[in-house]
Amino acid sequence: MKRKATAVWNGSGKDGKGHLSTQSTVLSKTQYSFNSRFAEGVGTNPEELIAAAHAGCFTMKLSFVLQEAGFTADELSTDCTITLDNGAITKSELTLKAKVPGISKEKFDASAKDAKENCPISKLLNTDISLDASLV
């Protein structure tokens, strides 16, 4: 399987602007710029997209891990915060709130750890990955 995205940039790094498009068209000429990356400008940025990818990948992987263990979550909600420091991504922080009927705390913790370590985005990122997982 291959997926494709395209970035177009015009101008200098600080004063220029660009847009991102994805094969699925979910992003279609979505604006990004210096301000959307390093300030609070309108548009997206690479770190926000990595956070979305990591949250989505981890959550889907956890649903499969739980299914293999005989559980189906009522809801899995994951926030991801990506830290960019001195030009490098230094941390990805996952915060999970889960409603999984009938699961023990031990089985839940083991399943969440498995998903954190084995989702494809976790494997891709060369950074510290933390997980705060709670059953609600």
C-alpha atoms as a PDB file:
ATOM      1  CA  MET A   1       0.000   0.000   0.000  1.00  0.00           C
ATOM      2  CA  LYS A   2       1.217   3.489  -0.833  1.00  0.00           C
ATOM      3  CA  ARG A   3      -0.340   6.843   0.055  1.00  0.00           C
ATOM      4  CA  LYS A   4       0.590  10.193  -1.450  1.00  0.00           C
ATOM      5  CA  ALA A   5       0.600  13.828  -0.355  1.00  0.00           C
ATOM      6  CA  THR A   6       1.940  16.896  -2.124  1.00  0.00           C
ATOM      7  CA  ALA A   7       3.423  20.085  -0.658  1.00  0.00           C
ATOM      8  CA  VAL A   8       3.817  23.268  -2.700  1.00  0.00           C
ATOM      9  CA  TRP A   9       5.767  26.245  -1.293  1.00  0.00           C
ATOM     10  CA  ASN A  10       6.206  29.717  -2.788  1.00  0.00           C
ATOM     11  CA  GLY A  11       8.641  32.333  -1.472  1.00  0.00           C
ATOM     12  CA  SER A  12      11.108  32.489   1.381  1.00  0.00           C
ATOM     13  CA  GLY A  13      10.883  30.423   4.556  1.00  0.00           C
ATOM     14  CA  LYS A  14       9.514  33.174   6.785  1.00  0.00           C
ATOM     15  CA  ASP A  15       7.509  35.219   4.290  1.00  0.00           C
ATOM     16  CA  GLY A  16       6.444  32.495   1.889  1.00  0.00           C
ATOM     17  CA  LYS A  17       3.409  30.301   2.023  1.00  0.00           C
ATOM     18  CA  GLY A  18       2.382  26.890   0.832  1.00  0.00           C
ATOM     19  CA  HIS A  19      -0.369  24.373   0.592  1.00  0.00           C
ATOM     20  CA  LEU A  20      -0.772  20.654   1.151  1.00  0.00           C
ATOM     21  CA  SER A  21      -2.951  18.183  -0.708  1.00  0.00           C
ATOM     22  CA  THR A  22      -3.544  14.492  -0.099  1.00  0.00           C
ATOM     23  CA  GLN A  23      -4.463  11.635  -2.389  1.00  0.00           C
ATOM     24  CA  SER A  24      -7.803  11.226  -0.595  1.00  0.00           C
ATOM     25  CA  THR A  25      -8.499  14.975  -1.036  1.00  0.00           C
ATOM     26  CA  VAL A  26      -9.201  15.357   2.687  1.00  0.00           C
ATOM     27  CA  LEU A  27      -6.511  18.015   2.434  1.00  0.00           C
ATOM     28  CA  SER A  28      -6.934  19.994  -0.758  1.00  0.00           C
ATOM     29  CA  LYS A  29      -4.626  22.970  -1.072  1.00  0.00           C
ATOM     30  CA  THR A  30      -4.720  23.332   2.728  1.00  0.00           C
ATOM     31  CA  GLN A  31      -2.712  26.409   3.654  1.00  0.00           C
ATOM     32  CA  TYR A  32       0.445  26.300   5.750  1.00  0.00           C
ATOM     33  CA  SER A  33       3.021  28.990   6.507  1.00  0.00           C
ATOM     34  CA  PHE A  34       5.655  30.165   8.957  1.00  0.00           C
ATOM     35  CA  ASN A  35       2.885  31.635  11.138  1.00  0.00           C
ATOM     36  CA  SER A  36       0.778  28.464  11.135  1.00  0.00           C
ATOM     37  CA  ARG A  37       3.867  26.513  12.156  1.00  0.00           C
ATOM     38  CA  PHE A  38       5.655  28.786  14.611  1.00  0.00           C
ATOM     39  CA  ALA A  39       2.931  31.201  15.751  1.00  0.00           C
ATOM     40  CA  GLU A  40      -0.854  31.013  15.765  1.00  0.00           C
ATOM     41  CA  GLY A  41      -1.593  31.627  12.111  1.00  0.00           C
ATOM     42  CA  VAL A  42      -4.462  30.108  10.158  1.00  0.00           C
ATOM     43  CA  GLY A  43      -3.612  26.816   8.494  1.00  0.00           C
ATOM     44  CA  THR A  44      -1.933  23.585   9.416  1.00  0.00           C
ATOM     45  CA  ASN A  45       1.688  22.560   9.944  1.00  0.00           C
ATOM     46  CA  PRO A  46       3.785  19.389   9.773  1.00  0.00           C
ATOM     47  CA  GLU A  47       3.808  18.841  13.543  1.00  0.00           C
ATOM     48  CA  GLU A  48       0.014  19.083  13.779  1.00  0.00           C
ATOM     49  CA  LEU A  49      -0.289  16.560  10.959  1.00  0.00           C
ATOM     50  CA  ILE A  50       2.171  14.206  12.699  1.00  0.00           C
ATOM     51  CA  ALA A  51       0.140  14.535  15.913  1.00  0.00           C
ATOM     52  CA  ALA A  52      -3.044  13.634  14.016  1.00  0.00           C
ATOM     53  CA  ALA A  53      -1.308  10.712  12.317  1.00  0.00           C
ATOM     54  CA  HIS A  54       0.125   9.364  15.585  1.00  0.00           C
ATOM     55  CA  ALA A  55      -3.164   9.731  17.495  1.00  0.00           C
ATOM     56  CA  GLY A  56      -5.092   8.037  14.688  1.00  0.00           C
ATOM     57  CA  CYS A  57      -2.590   5.242  14.109  1.00  0.00           C
ATOM     58  CA  PHE A  58      -2.180   4.413  17.812  1.00  0.00           C
ATOM     59  CA  THR A  59      -5.943   4.434  18.420  1.00  0.00           C
ATOM     60  CA  MET A  60      -6.674   2.171  15.457  1.00  0.00           C
ATOM     61  CA  LYS A  61      -3.843  -0.203  16.449  1.00  0.00           C
ATOM     62  CA  LEU A  62      -5.252  -0.379  19.986  1.00  0.00           C
ATOM     63  CA  SER A  63      -8.684  -1.290  18.626  1.00  0.00           C
ATOM     64  CA  PHE A  64      -7.096  -4.239  16.795  1.00  0.00           C
ATOM     65  CA  VAL A  65      -5.081  -5.305  19.863  1.00  0.00           C
ATOM     66  CA  LEU A  66      -8.242  -5.212  21.976  1.00  0.00           C
ATOM     67  CA  GLN A  67     -10.188  -7.157  19.338  1.00  0.00           C
ATOM     68  CA  GLU A  68      -7.504  -9.878  19.307  1.00  0.00           C
ATOM     69  CA  ALA A  69      -7.884 -10.096  23.099  1.00  0.00           C
ATOM     70  CA  GLY A  70     -11.672 -10.442  22.837  1.00  0.00           C
ATOM     71  CA  PHE A  71     -12.679  -6.873  23.729  1.00  0.00           C
ATOM     72  CA  THR A  72     -14.463  -4.121  21.834  1.00  0.00           C
ATOM     73  CA  ALA A  73     -14.087  -0.566  23.052  1.00  0.00           C
ATOM     74  CA  ASP A  74     -17.149   1.620  23.418  1.00  0.00           C
ATOM     75  CA  GLU A  75     -14.802   4.547  22.800  1.00  0.00           C
ATOM     76  CA  LEU A  76     -11.090   5.250  22.491  1.00  0.00           C
ATOM     77  CA  SER A  77     -10.151   8.942  22.539  1.00  0.00           C
ATOM     78  CA  THR A  78      -6.491   9.874  22.064  1.00  0.00           C
ATOM     79  CA  ASP A  79      -4.837  13.285  22.161  1.00  0.00           C
ATOM     80  CA  CYS A  80      -1.308  13.587  20.816  1.00  0.00           C
ATOM     81  CA  THR A  81       1.077  16.463  21.471  1.00  0.00           C
ATOM     82  CA  ILE A  82       4.193  16.725  19.324  1.00  0.00           C
ATOM     83  CA  THR A  83       7.107  18.770  20.692  1.00  0.00           C
ATOM     84  CA  LEU A  84       9.409  20.552  18.228  1.00  0.00           C
ATOM     85  CA  ASP A  85      12.544  21.828  19.947  1.00  0.00           C
ATOM     86  CA  ASN A  86      15.592  23.330  18.224  1.00  0.00           C
ATOM     87  CA  GLY A  87      14.535  22.010  14.828  1.00  0.00           C
ATOM     88  CA  ALA A  88      13.868  18.422  15.941  1.00  0.00           C
ATOM     89  CA  ILE A  89      10.800  16.520  17.072  1.00  0.00           C
ATOM     90  CA  THR A  90      11.783  15.561  20.598  1.00  0.00           C
ATOM     91  CA  LYS A  91       8.624  14.028  21.986  1.00  0.00           C
ATOM     92  CA  SER A  92       5.231  12.587  21.156  1.00  0.00           C
ATOM     93  CA  GLU A  93       2.847  12.503  24.110  1.00  0.00           C
ATOM     94  CA  LEU A  94      -0.218  10.279  23.786  1.00  0.00           C
ATOM     95  CA  THR A  95      -3.103  10.727  26.228  1.00  0.00           C
ATOM     96  CA  LEU A  96      -5.778   8.041  25.981  1.00  0.00           C
ATOM     97  CA  LYS A  97      -9.203   7.885  27.582  1.00  0.00           C
ATOM     98  CA  ALA A  98     -10.866   4.538  26.966  1.00  0.00           C
ATOM     99  CA  LYS A  99     -14.208   2.894  27.649  1.00  0.00           C
ATOM    100  CA  VAL A 100     -13.695  -0.859  27.310  1.00  0.00           C
ATOM    101  CA  PRO A 101     -16.377  -2.996  28.960  1.00  0.00           C
ATOM    102  CA  GLY A 102     -15.138  -5.976  30.975  1.00  0.00           C
ATOM    103  CA  ILE A 103     -11.393  -5.404  30.618  1.00  0.00           C
ATOM    104  CA  SER A 104      -9.068  -5.570  33.616  1.00  0.00           C
ATOM    105  CA  LYS A 105      -6.659  -2.710  34.307  1.00  0.00           C
ATOM    106  CA  GLU A 106      -3.717  -5.061  33.717  1.00  0.00           C
ATOM    107  CA  LYS A 107      -5.012  -6.249  30.328  1.00  0.00           C
ATOM    108  CA  PHE A 108      -5.856  -2.669  29.323  1.00  0.00           C
ATOM    109  CA  ASP A 109      -2.391  -1.393  30.261  1.00  0.00           C
ATOM    110  CA  ALA A 110      -0.700  -4.247  28.365  1.00  0.00           C
ATOM    111  CA  SER A 111      -2.872  -3.625  25.294  1.00  0.00           C
ATOM    112  CA  ALA A 112      -2.182   0.119  25.318  1.00  0.00           C
ATOM    113  CA  LYS A 113       1.567  -0.508  25.679  1.00  0.00           C
ATOM    114  CA  ASP A 114       1.473  -2.962  22.758  1.00  0.00           C
ATOM    115  CA  ALA A 115      -0.322  -0.396  20.576  1.00  0.00           C
ATOM    116  CA  LYS A 116       2.110   2.370  21.571  1.00  0.00           C
ATOM    117  CA  GLU A 117       5.129   0.255  20.679  1.00  0.00           C
ATOM    118  CA  ASN A 118       3.755  -1.323  17.511  1.00  0.00           C
ATOM    119  CA  CYS A 119       1.619   1.179  15.622  1.00  0.00           C
ATOM    120  CA  PRO A 120       3.404   2.099  12.367  1.00  0.00           C
ATOM    121  CA  ILE A 121       3.740   5.796  13.275  1.00  0.00           C
ATOM    122  CA  SER A 122       5.353   4.945  16.640  1.00  0.00           C
ATOM    123  CA  LYS A 123       7.820   2.767  14.760  1.00  0.00           C
ATOM    124  CA  LEU A 124       8.506   5.600  12.319  1.00  0.00           C
ATOM    125  CA  LEU A 125       9.155   8.294  14.908  1.00  0.00           C
ATOM    126  CA  ASN A 126      12.691   8.448  16.260  1.00  0.00           C
ATOM    127  CA  THR A 127      11.741  10.216  19.492  1.00  0.00           C
ATOM    128  CA  ASP A 128      10.582   9.716  23.060  1.00  0.00           C
ATOM    129  CA  ILE A 129       6.981   8.484  23.091  1.00  0.00           C
ATOM    130  CA  SER A 130       5.015   8.708  26.331  1.00  0.00           C
ATOM    131  CA  LEU A 131       1.579   7.291  27.062  1.00  0.00           C
ATOM    132  CA  ASP A 132      -0.900   8.297  29.748  1.00  0.00           C
ATOM    133  CA  ALA A 133      -3.726   5.772  29.436  1.00  0.00           C
ATOM    134  CA  SER A 134      -6.833   5.651  31.599  1.00  0.00           C
ATOM    135  CA  LEU A 135     -10.040   3.682  31.663  1.00  0.00           C
ATOM    136  CA  VAL A 136     -13.052   5.908  32.162  1.00  0.00           C
END
